[in-house]
C-alpha atoms as a PDB file:
ATOM      1  CA  MET A   1     -12.587 -11.798  25.118  1.00  0.00           C
ATOM      2  CA  ALA A   2     -14.826 -13.959  22.864  1.00  0.00           C
ATOM      3  CA  GLY A   3     -17.202 -10.973  22.439  1.00  0.00           C
ATOM      4  CA  ARG A   4     -14.333  -8.815  21.293  1.00  0.00           C
ATOM      5  CA  ARG A   5     -13.296 -11.391  18.688  1.00  0.00           C
ATOM      6  CA  ILE A   6     -16.849 -11.621  17.391  1.00  0.00           C
ATOM      7  CA  LEU A   7     -17.067  -7.837  17.147  1.00  0.00           C
ATOM      8  CA  SER A   8     -13.673  -7.713  15.426  1.00  0.00           C
ATOM      9  CA  SER A   9     -14.755 -10.381  12.912  1.00  0.00           C
ATOM     10  CA  ALA A  10     -18.035  -8.543  12.259  1.00  0.00           C
ATOM     11  CA  LEU A  11     -16.166  -5.283  11.638  1.00  0.00           C
ATOM     12  CA  LEU A  12     -13.720  -6.995   9.313  1.00  0.00           C
ATOM     13  CA  THR A  13     -16.613  -8.565   7.309  1.00  0.00           C
ATOM     14  CA  LEU A  14     -18.264  -5.119   6.994  1.00  0.00           C
ATOM     15  CA  VAL A  15     -15.000  -3.581   5.838  1.00  0.00           C
ATOM     16  CA  LEU A  16     -14.477  -6.255   3.206  1.00  0.00           C
ATOM     17  CA  LEU A  17     -18.080  -5.964   1.985  1.00  0.00           C
ATOM     18  CA  LEU A  18     -17.724  -2.190   1.692  1.00  0.00           C
ATOM     19  CA  GLY A  19     -14.388  -2.597   0.026  1.00  0.00           C
ATOM     20  CA  SER A  20     -15.639  -4.960  -2.556  1.00  0.00           C
ATOM     21  CA  ALA A  21     -18.132  -2.269  -3.633  1.00  0.00           C
ATOM     22  CA  CYS A  22     -15.336   0.237  -4.238  1.00  0.00           C
ATOM     23  CA  GLN A  23     -15.141   1.462  -7.781  1.00  0.00           C
ATOM     24  CA  PRO A  24     -12.285   3.443  -9.285  1.00  0.00           C
ATOM     25  CA  ARG A  25     -12.815   7.123  -8.559  1.00  0.00           C
ATOM     26  CA  SER A  26     -10.665   8.402 -11.399  1.00  0.00           C
ATOM     27  CA  GLN A  27      -8.874   7.051 -14.420  1.00  0.00           C
ATOM     28  CA  VAL A  28      -5.745   5.126 -13.716  1.00  0.00           C
ATOM     29  CA  ALA A  29      -2.896   6.655 -15.740  1.00  0.00           C
ATOM     30  CA  PRO A  30       0.861   6.553 -16.036  1.00  0.00           C
ATOM     31  CA  ALA A  31       2.658   8.750 -13.516  1.00  0.00           C
ATOM     32  CA  THR A  32       3.359  12.305 -14.532  1.00  0.00           C
ATOM     33  CA  GLY A  33       7.040  12.777 -15.192  1.00  0.00           C
ATOM     34  CA  SER A  34       7.639   9.093 -14.678  1.00  0.00           C
ATOM     35  CA  GLY A  35      10.622   7.098 -15.744  1.00  0.00           C
ATOM     36  CA  ARG A  36      13.422   9.616 -15.344  1.00  0.00           C
ATOM     37  CA  GLN A  37      15.148   8.647 -12.086  1.00  0.00           C
ATOM     38  CA  PRO A  38      14.690   5.796  -9.683  1.00  0.00           C
ATOM     39  CA  VAL A  39      12.601   6.634  -6.619  1.00  0.00           C
ATOM     40  CA  ASP A  40      14.503   6.211  -3.382  1.00  0.00           C
ATOM     41  CA  PHE A  41      12.751   5.431  -0.093  1.00  0.00           C
ATOM     42  CA  SER A  42      13.373   3.968   3.329  1.00  0.00           C
ATOM     43  CA  PHE A  43      10.611   3.306   5.812  1.00  0.00           C
ATOM     44  CA  ALA A  44      10.582   1.718   9.242  1.00  0.00           C
ATOM     45  CA  GLY A  45       8.778  -1.657   9.123  1.00  0.00           C
ATOM     46  CA  ILE A  46       6.455  -2.445  12.000  1.00  0.00           C
ATOM     47  CA  ASP A  47       8.604  -5.452  12.974  1.00  0.00           C
ATOM     48  CA  GLY A  48      11.878  -3.512  13.145  1.00  0.00           C
ATOM     49  CA  GLN A  49      13.096  -4.144   9.607  1.00  0.00           C
ATOM     50  CA  VAL A  50      13.897  -1.407   7.141  1.00  0.00           C
ATOM     51  CA  ILE A  51      11.847  -1.403   3.948  1.00  0.00           C
ATOM     52  CA  ALA A  52      13.874   0.386   1.246  1.00  0.00           C
ATOM     53  CA  ASP A  53      14.221   0.741  -2.442  1.00  0.00           C
ATOM     54  CA  GLU A  54      17.374  -1.451  -2.394  1.00  0.00           C
ATOM     55  CA  SER A  55      15.374  -4.407  -1.083  1.00  0.00           C
ATOM     56  CA  THR A  56      12.664  -4.080  -3.754  1.00  0.00           C
ATOM     57  CA  SER A  57      14.809  -3.439  -6.835  1.00  0.00           C
ATOM     58  CA  GLY A  58      14.480  -6.019  -9.565  1.00  0.00           C
ATOM     59  CA  ARG A  59      10.740  -6.539  -9.200  1.00  0.00           C
ATOM     60  CA  ILE A  60       7.686  -4.368  -9.827  1.00  0.00           C
ATOM     61  CA  THR A  61       6.862  -2.760  -6.500  1.00  0.00           C
ATOM     62  CA  VAL A  62       3.392  -1.636  -5.423  1.00  0.00           C
ATOM     63  CA  LEU A  63       3.287   0.873  -2.562  1.00  0.00           C
ATOM     64  CA  LEU A  64      -0.023   1.524  -0.889  1.00  0.00           C
ATOM     65  CA  PHE A  65      -0.200   4.567   1.400  1.00  0.00           C
ATOM     66  CA  ALA A  66      -3.033   4.279   3.862  1.00  0.00           C
ATOM     67  CA  THR A  67      -4.130   4.901   7.455  1.00  0.00           C
ATOM     68  CA  THR A  68      -5.383   2.434  10.067  1.00  0.00           C
ATOM     69  CA  PHE A  69      -8.631   4.292  10.541  1.00  0.00           C
ATOM     70  CA  ASP A  70      -9.828   4.645   6.962  1.00  0.00           C
ATOM     71  CA  LEU A  71     -12.284   2.084   5.564  1.00  0.00           C
ATOM     72  CA  ASP A  72     -11.019   2.454   2.000  1.00  0.00           C
ATOM     73  CA  SER A  73      -7.502   1.848   3.275  1.00  0.00           C
ATOM     74  CA  GLN A  74      -8.561  -1.406   4.893  1.00  0.00           C
ATOM     75  CA  ALA A  75     -10.340  -2.678   1.798  1.00  0.00           C
ATOM     76  CA  GLN A  76      -7.426  -1.604  -0.451  1.00  0.00           C
ATOM     77  CA  ALA A  77      -4.897  -3.444   1.809  1.00  0.00           C
ATOM     78  CA  LYS A  78      -6.881  -6.631   1.280  1.00  0.00           C
ATOM     79  CA  PHE A  79      -6.976  -6.099  -2.508  1.00  0.00           C
ATOM     80  CA  LEU A  80      -3.173  -5.700  -2.371  1.00  0.00           C
ATOM     81  CA  GLU A  81      -2.882  -8.931  -0.470  1.00  0.00           C
ATOM     82  CA  ASP A  82      -4.811 -10.766  -3.197  1.00  0.00           C
ATOM     83  CA  LEU A  83      -2.601  -9.235  -5.879  1.00  0.00           C
ATOM     84  CA  TYR A  84       0.556 -10.047  -3.945  1.00  0.00           C
ATOM     85  CA  ARG A  85      -0.405 -13.672  -3.440  1.00  0.00           C
ATOM     86  CA  THR A  86      -1.192 -14.248  -7.097  1.00  0.00           C
ATOM     87  CA  HIS A  87       1.934 -12.434  -8.406  1.00  0.00           C
ATOM     88  CA  THR A  88       4.649 -13.574  -6.017  1.00  0.00           C
ATOM     89  CA  PRO A  89       7.636 -13.661  -6.739  1.00  0.00           C
ATOM     90  CA  ARG A  90       7.495 -11.163  -9.569  1.00  0.00           C
ATOM     91  CA  LEU A  91       5.945  -8.413  -7.489  1.00  0.00           C
ATOM     92  CA  ASN A  92       6.719  -6.651  -4.251  1.00  0.00           C
ATOM     93  CA  ALA A  93       3.956  -5.158  -2.149  1.00  0.00           C
ATOM     94  CA  VAL A  94       4.368  -2.671   0.722  1.00  0.00           C
ATOM     95  CA  LEU A  95       1.719  -1.025   2.841  1.00  0.00           C
ATOM     96  CA  VAL A  96       2.881   2.295   4.312  1.00  0.00           C
ATOM     97  CA  PHE A  97       0.731   3.768   7.048  1.00  0.00           C
ATOM     98  CA  LEU A  98       0.993   7.539   7.093  1.00  0.00           C
ATOM     99  CA  GLU A  99       0.988   7.667  10.866  1.00  0.00           C
ATOM    100  CA  PRO A 100       3.513   8.401  13.595  1.00  0.00           C
ATOM    101  CA  ALA A 101       5.629   5.639  15.168  1.00  0.00           C
ATOM    102  CA  GLN A 102       3.534   5.598  18.326  1.00  0.00           C
ATOM    103  CA  TYR A 103       0.795   3.744  16.444  1.00  0.00           C
ATOM    104  CA  VAL A 104       2.941   0.703  15.693  1.00  0.00           C
ATOM    105  CA  GLU A 105       0.732  -1.637  17.814  1.00  0.00           C
ATOM    106  CA  LEU A 106      -2.356  -0.491  15.922  1.00  0.00           C
ATOM    107  CA  ALA A 107      -0.568  -1.123  12.655  1.00  0.00           C
ATOM    108  CA  ARG A 108       0.397  -4.618  13.791  1.00  0.00           C
ATOM    109  CA  SER A 109      -3.211  -5.340  14.798  1.00  0.00           C
ATOM    110  CA  PHE A 110      -4.392  -4.104  11.372  1.00  0.00           C
ATOM    111  CA  ARG A 111      -1.909  -6.431   9.615  1.00  0.00           C
ATOM    112  CA  ASP A 112      -2.835  -9.405  11.853  1.00  0.00           C
ATOM    113  CA  VAL A 113      -6.623  -9.000  11.546  1.00  0.00           C
ATOM    114  CA  LEU A 114      -6.403  -8.688   7.756  1.00  0.00           C
ATOM    115  CA  GLN A 115      -3.807 -11.434   7.608  1.00  0.00           C
ATOM    116  CA  LEU A 116      -1.457  -9.446   5.425  1.00  0.00           C
ATOM    117  CA  SER A 117       1.655 -11.336   4.309  1.00  0.00           C
ATOM    118  CA  TYR A 118       3.507  -8.442   2.714  1.00  0.00           C
ATOM    119  CA  PRO A 119       5.685  -5.861   4.579  1.00  0.00           C
ATOM    120  CA  VAL A 120       3.987  -3.100   6.530  1.00  0.00           C
ATOM    121  CA  ALA A 121       5.701   0.177   7.474  1.00  0.00           C
ATOM    122  CA  LEU A 122       4.926   3.391   9.317  1.00  0.00           C
ATOM    123  CA  ALA A 123       5.940   6.765   7.970  1.00  0.00           C
ATOM    124  CA  ASP A 124       4.859  10.248   8.926  1.00  0.00           C
ATOM    125  CA  GLN A 125       4.704  12.925   6.240  1.00  0.00           C
ATOM    126  CA  ASP A 126       8.298  14.092   7.060  1.00  0.00           C
ATOM    127  CA  ALA A 127       9.613  10.591   6.335  1.00  0.00           C
ATOM    128  CA  VAL A 128       7.831  10.578   2.965  1.00  0.00           C
ATOM    129  CA  ARG A 129       9.179  13.993   2.085  1.00  0.00           C
ATOM    130  CA  ASP A 130      12.797  13.148   3.065  1.00  0.00           C
ATOM    131  CA  SER A 131      13.552  11.884  -0.449  1.00  0.00           C
ATOM    132  CA  PRO A 132      13.759  14.545  -3.124  1.00  0.00           C
ATOM    133  CA  ARG A 133      12.796  11.908  -5.708  1.00  0.00           C
ATOM    134  CA  PHE A 134       9.745  10.551  -3.859  1.00  0.00           C
ATOM    135  CA  PRO A 135       6.285  11.647  -5.026  1.00  0.00           C
ATOM    136  CA  ASP A 136       4.259  13.857  -2.699  1.00  0.00           C
ATOM    137  CA  VAL A 137       1.528  11.729  -1.138  1.00  0.00           C
ATOM    138  CA  GLN A 138      -1.383  13.902  -0.147  1.00  0.00           C
ATOM    139  CA  ALA A 139      -4.326  11.503   0.280  1.00  0.00           C
ATOM    140  CA  VAL A 140      -5.156   7.975   1.399  1.00  0.00           C
ATOM    141  CA  PRO A 141      -5.378   5.588  -0.088  1.00  0.00           C
ATOM    142  CA  THR A 142      -2.652   6.407  -2.643  1.00  0.00           C
ATOM    143  CA  TRP A 143      -1.094   3.843  -4.929  1.00  0.00           C
ATOM    144  CA  LEU A 144       2.438   4.093  -6.402  1.00  0.00           C
ATOM    145  CA  VAL A 145       3.843   1.519  -8.791  1.00  0.00           C
ATOM    146  CA  LEU A 146       7.578   1.254  -9.435  1.00  0.00           C
ATOM    147  CA  ASP A 147       9.109  -0.731 -12.275  1.00  0.00           C
ATOM    148  CA  ARG A 148      11.975  -3.202 -11.861  1.00  0.00           C
ATOM    149  CA  SER A 149      14.433  -0.314 -11.871  1.00  0.00           C
ATOM    150  CA  SER A 150      12.519   1.516  -9.106  1.00  0.00           C
ATOM    151  CA  LYS A 151      11.256   4.156 -11.494  1.00  0.00           C
ATOM    152  CA  LEU A 152       7.751   5.508 -10.856  1.00  0.00           C
ATOM    153  CA  ARG A 153       5.466   4.223 -13.648  1.00  0.00           C
ATOM    154  CA  ALA A 154       1.980   4.761 -12.254  1.00  0.00           C
ATOM    155  CA  GLU A 155       0.211   6.525  -9.395  1.00  0.00           C
ATOM    156  CA  HIS A 156      -3.402   6.786  -8.304  1.00  0.00           C
ATOM    157  CA  GLU A 157      -5.235   8.600  -5.509  1.00  0.00           C
ATOM    158  CA  GLY A 158      -8.276   6.847  -4.165  1.00  0.00           C
ATOM    159  CA  ALA A 159      -9.758   3.392  -4.056  1.00  0.00           C
ATOM    160  CA  LEU A 160      -9.305   0.853  -6.832  1.00  0.00           C
ATOM    161  CA  ASP A 161     -11.112  -2.361  -7.622  1.00  0.00           C
ATOM    162  CA  ASP A 162      -9.210  -5.513  -8.733  1.00  0.00           C
ATOM    163  CA  GLU A 163      -9.351  -4.511 -12.390  1.00  0.00           C
ATOM    164  CA  GLY A 164      -8.042  -1.029 -11.727  1.00  0.00           C
ATOM    165  CA  LEU A 165      -5.227  -2.363  -9.610  1.00  0.00           C
ATOM    166  CA  ALA A 166      -4.260  -4.886 -12.251  1.00  0.00           C
ATOM    167  CA  HIS A 167      -4.215  -2.110 -14.874  1.00  0.00           C
ATOM    168  CA  LEU A 168      -2.058   0.086 -12.641  1.00  0.00           C
ATOM    169  CA  VAL A 169       0.490  -2.720 -12.289  1.00  0.00           C
ATOM    170  CA  SER A 170       0.458  -3.398 -16.063  1.00  0.00           C
ATOM    171  CA  LEU A 171       1.750   0.135 -16.603  1.00  0.00           C
ATOM    172  CA  ALA A 172       5.028  -0.894 -14.990  1.00  0.00           C
ATOM    173  CA  GLU A 173       5.582  -4.059 -16.983  1.00  0.00           C
END
């Protein structure tokens, strides 16, 4: 058991070191066609709660779409944690794993190992496509930023550093 914890800690350290070396892969820009209608969404949280647009309205909301097995996703989830901790209560953060419900235990382990304090949900591609006003997420990690009215203001495919993430959020202010 102790050996497993040491291995887990070593892997987490490696992930964080690799993540800190991530540089933006493309320019962060306002979302195409943004600002017209509020985005509606509803995802199953890994602890049984529903994470929906109604519960995030009134604050800027950062949605990170990721997978449990992608190193960039792990590093980006930690960057989001840092942003969330420094901007609470004016900002919502949600991590959405694009994985089927059967991986809920893996998602919980991911959250616990990285010590994430913001809501985590699971959604397969069908759940993401259920809303006609929800952007089509094709890659991980993908970032979406909604303004206080739940309108899409910025989106980005790929890893971001702290500066890129802060700029992305500023587009919704």
